[in-house]
Amino acid sequence: MHHHLIWRKSSRSVDEGDCVEVVDLGDEHHAVRDSKNPTGPVLMVTTAQWSVFTASVRAGEFD
């Protein structure tokens, strides 16, 4: 995986470590990982898929 990438997590995440981190790969893809296991599996999604997901979260579809 790209070790030089800067992963970010939600500003709403808490210090307990129960969150995901995301990085924009710049090639129409995003990578998502578990913040508790940064060397573990990574989920790759397209930028379009990430946009649909984040819009759904903002709309409260997962509440």
N, C-alpha and C. Protein backbone atom coordinates (compact mmCIF):
# COMPACT_ATOMS: atom_id res chain seq x y z
N MET A 1 0.85 -1.18 0.00
CA MET A 1 0.00 0.00 0.00
C MET A 1 0.88 1.23 0.00
N HIS A 2 0.31 2.35 -0.29
CA HIS A 2 1.03 3.62 -0.35
C HIS A 2 1.33 4.14 1.05
N HIS A 3 2.56 4.06 1.49
CA HIS A 3 2.92 4.45 2.85
C HIS A 3 3.04 5.96 3.00
N HIS A 4 3.19 6.69 1.92
CA HIS A 4 3.37 8.13 1.98
C HIS A 4 2.04 8.89 2.00
N LEU A 5 0.95 8.21 1.92
CA LEU A 5 -0.36 8.85 1.88
C LEU A 5 -0.76 9.38 3.26
N ILE A 6 -1.54 10.44 3.24
CA ILE A 6 -2.04 11.02 4.48
C ILE A 6 -3.50 10.61 4.65
N TRP A 7 -3.73 9.68 5.56
CA TRP A 7 -5.06 9.19 5.85
C TRP A 7 -5.77 10.20 6.75
N ARG A 8 -7.08 10.34 6.58
CA ARG A 8 -7.84 11.25 7.44
C ARG A 8 -9.06 10.52 7.98
N LYS A 9 -9.51 10.98 9.14
CA LYS A 9 -10.73 10.44 9.71
C LYS A 9 -11.68 11.57 10.01
N SER A 10 -12.90 11.24 10.25
CA SER A 10 -13.94 12.22 10.47
C SER A 10 -13.59 13.14 11.64
N SER A 11 -13.94 14.39 11.49
CA SER A 11 -13.76 15.33 12.61
C SER A 11 -14.70 14.99 13.76
N ARG A 12 -15.68 14.16 13.50
CA ARG A 12 -16.62 13.72 14.54
C ARG A 12 -16.18 12.46 15.25
N SER A 13 -15.08 11.88 14.82
CA SER A 13 -14.61 10.65 15.46
C SER A 13 -14.11 10.96 16.87
N VAL A 14 -14.13 9.95 17.69
CA VAL A 14 -13.69 10.10 19.08
C VAL A 14 -12.35 9.41 19.27
N ASP A 15 -11.72 9.66 20.39
CA ASP A 15 -10.40 9.10 20.65
C ASP A 15 -10.40 7.61 20.98
N GLU A 16 -11.56 7.00 21.00
CA GLU A 16 -11.65 5.57 21.34
C GLU A 16 -11.16 4.68 20.20
N GLY A 17 -10.96 5.25 19.01
CA GLY A 17 -10.41 4.49 17.90
C GLY A 17 -11.41 3.72 17.08
N ASP A 18 -12.70 3.88 17.35
CA ASP A 18 -13.72 3.15 16.61
C ASP A 18 -14.18 3.95 15.39
N CYS A 19 -13.30 4.05 14.41
CA CYS A 19 -13.68 4.80 13.21
C CYS A 19 -12.88 4.29 12.02
N VAL A 20 -13.21 4.83 10.88
CA VAL A 20 -12.50 4.48 9.66
C VAL A 20 -11.68 5.69 9.22
N GLU A 21 -10.69 5.40 8.40
CA GLU A 21 -9.88 6.45 7.80
C GLU A 21 -10.00 6.32 6.29
N VAL A 22 -9.88 7.44 5.61
CA VAL A 22 -10.01 7.45 4.15
C VAL A 22 -8.88 8.27 3.55
N VAL A 23 -8.50 7.90 2.35
CA VAL A 23 -7.50 8.66 1.61
C VAL A 23 -7.94 8.74 0.15
N ASP A 24 -7.81 9.93 -0.42
CA ASP A 24 -8.09 10.14 -1.84
C ASP A 24 -6.82 9.77 -2.60
N LEU A 25 -6.91 8.77 -3.44
CA LEU A 25 -5.74 8.28 -4.16
C LEU A 25 -5.43 9.11 -5.40
N GLY A 26 -6.31 10.03 -5.75
CA GLY A 26 -6.05 10.92 -6.86
C GLY A 26 -6.20 10.31 -8.24
N ASP A 27 -6.58 9.08 -8.32
CA ASP A 27 -6.75 8.41 -9.62
C ASP A 27 -8.18 7.91 -9.77
N GLU A 28 -9.12 8.71 -9.25
CA GLU A 28 -10.54 8.35 -9.27
C GLU A 28 -10.87 7.22 -8.31
N HIS A 29 -10.03 7.03 -7.29
CA HIS A 29 -10.29 6.01 -6.27
C HIS A 29 -10.01 6.56 -4.88
N HIS A 30 -10.69 5.97 -3.92
CA HIS A 30 -10.46 6.24 -2.50
C HIS A 30 -10.18 4.90 -1.82
N ALA A 31 -9.41 4.96 -0.76
CA ALA A 31 -9.14 3.78 0.05
C ALA A 31 -9.68 4.04 1.45
N VAL A 32 -10.27 3.01 2.04
CA VAL A 32 -10.86 3.12 3.38
C VAL A 32 -10.28 1.99 4.22
N ARG A 33 -9.94 2.32 5.49
CA ARG A 33 -9.39 1.30 6.39
C ARG A 33 -9.89 1.53 7.81
N ASP A 34 -9.72 0.53 8.63
CA ASP A 34 -10.07 0.59 10.05
C ASP A 34 -8.95 1.32 10.78
N SER A 35 -9.28 2.37 11.52
CA SER A 35 -8.24 3.15 12.20
C SER A 35 -7.53 2.35 13.29
N LYS A 36 -8.17 1.30 13.81
CA LYS A 36 -7.55 0.46 14.83
C LYS A 36 -6.55 -0.52 14.24
N ASN A 37 -6.60 -0.72 12.93
CA ASN A 37 -5.75 -1.70 12.27
C ASN A 37 -5.19 -1.10 10.97
N PRO A 38 -4.32 -0.10 11.06
CA PRO A 38 -3.85 0.60 9.86
C PRO A 38 -3.06 -0.26 8.89
N THR A 39 -2.56 -1.40 9.32
CA THR A 39 -1.84 -2.28 8.40
C THR A 39 -2.72 -3.41 7.89
N GLY A 40 -3.99 -3.39 8.26
CA GLY A 40 -4.92 -4.44 7.86
C GLY A 40 -5.50 -4.20 6.47
N PRO A 41 -6.59 -4.87 6.19
CA PRO A 41 -7.22 -4.77 4.87
C PRO A 41 -7.67 -3.35 4.55
N VAL A 42 -7.69 -3.06 3.26
CA VAL A 42 -8.12 -1.75 2.75
C VAL A 42 -9.23 -1.98 1.74
N LEU A 43 -10.28 -1.21 1.86
CA LEU A 43 -11.39 -1.26 0.90
C LEU A 43 -11.15 -0.17 -0.14
N MET A 44 -11.14 -0.56 -1.41
CA MET A 44 -10.96 0.39 -2.49
C MET A 44 -12.31 0.67 -3.14
N VAL A 45 -12.63 1.95 -3.32
CA VAL A 45 -13.88 2.35 -3.97
C VAL A 45 -13.57 3.46 -4.97
N THR A 46 -14.44 3.60 -5.95
CA THR A 46 -14.26 4.69 -6.90
C THR A 46 -14.70 6.00 -6.24
N THR A 47 -14.25 7.10 -6.81
CA THR A 47 -14.66 8.41 -6.29
C THR A 47 -16.18 8.56 -6.39
N ALA A 48 -16.79 8.05 -7.44
CA ALA A 48 -18.25 8.11 -7.59
C ALA A 48 -18.93 7.33 -6.47
N GLN A 49 -18.44 6.14 -6.16
CA GLN A 49 -19.02 5.34 -5.08
C GLN A 49 -18.87 6.05 -3.74
N TRP A 50 -17.71 6.65 -3.50
CA TRP A 50 -17.47 7.37 -2.24
C TRP A 50 -18.43 8.55 -2.13
N SER A 51 -18.66 9.25 -3.22
CA SER A 51 -19.57 10.40 -3.21
C SER A 51 -21.00 9.98 -2.88
N VAL A 52 -21.45 8.87 -3.46
CA VAL A 52 -22.79 8.36 -3.16
C VAL A 52 -22.89 7.95 -1.70
N PHE A 53 -21.87 7.28 -1.19
CA PHE A 53 -21.86 6.86 0.21
C PHE A 53 -21.92 8.06 1.15
N THR A 54 -21.04 9.04 0.95
CA THR A 54 -21.01 10.19 1.87
C THR A 54 -22.29 11.01 1.78
N ALA A 55 -22.89 11.11 0.60
CA ALA A 55 -24.17 11.82 0.47
C ALA A 55 -25.26 11.07 1.23
N SER A 56 -25.23 9.75 1.20
CA SER A 56 -26.21 8.95 1.93
C SER A 56 -26.04 9.10 3.43
N VAL A 57 -24.79 9.19 3.89
CA VAL A 57 -24.54 9.41 5.32
C VAL A 57 -25.09 10.77 5.72
N ARG A 58 -24.79 11.80 4.95
CA ARG A 58 -25.29 13.15 5.26
C ARG A 58 -26.81 13.21 5.27
N ALA A 59 -27.45 12.40 4.42
CA ALA A 59 -28.91 12.40 4.33
C ALA A 59 -29.55 11.58 5.45
N GLY A 60 -28.73 10.93 6.27
CA GLY A 60 -29.26 10.16 7.40
C GLY A 60 -29.77 8.79 7.03
N GLU A 61 -29.37 8.27 5.89
CA GLU A 61 -29.88 6.97 5.46
C GLU A 61 -29.41 5.80 6.32
N PHE A 62 -28.39 6.01 7.14
CA PHE A 62 -27.87 4.92 7.97
C PHE A 62 -28.15 5.12 9.45
N ASP A 63 -28.94 6.14 9.76
CA ASP A 63 -29.27 6.44 11.17
C ASP A 63 -30.27 5.43 11.72
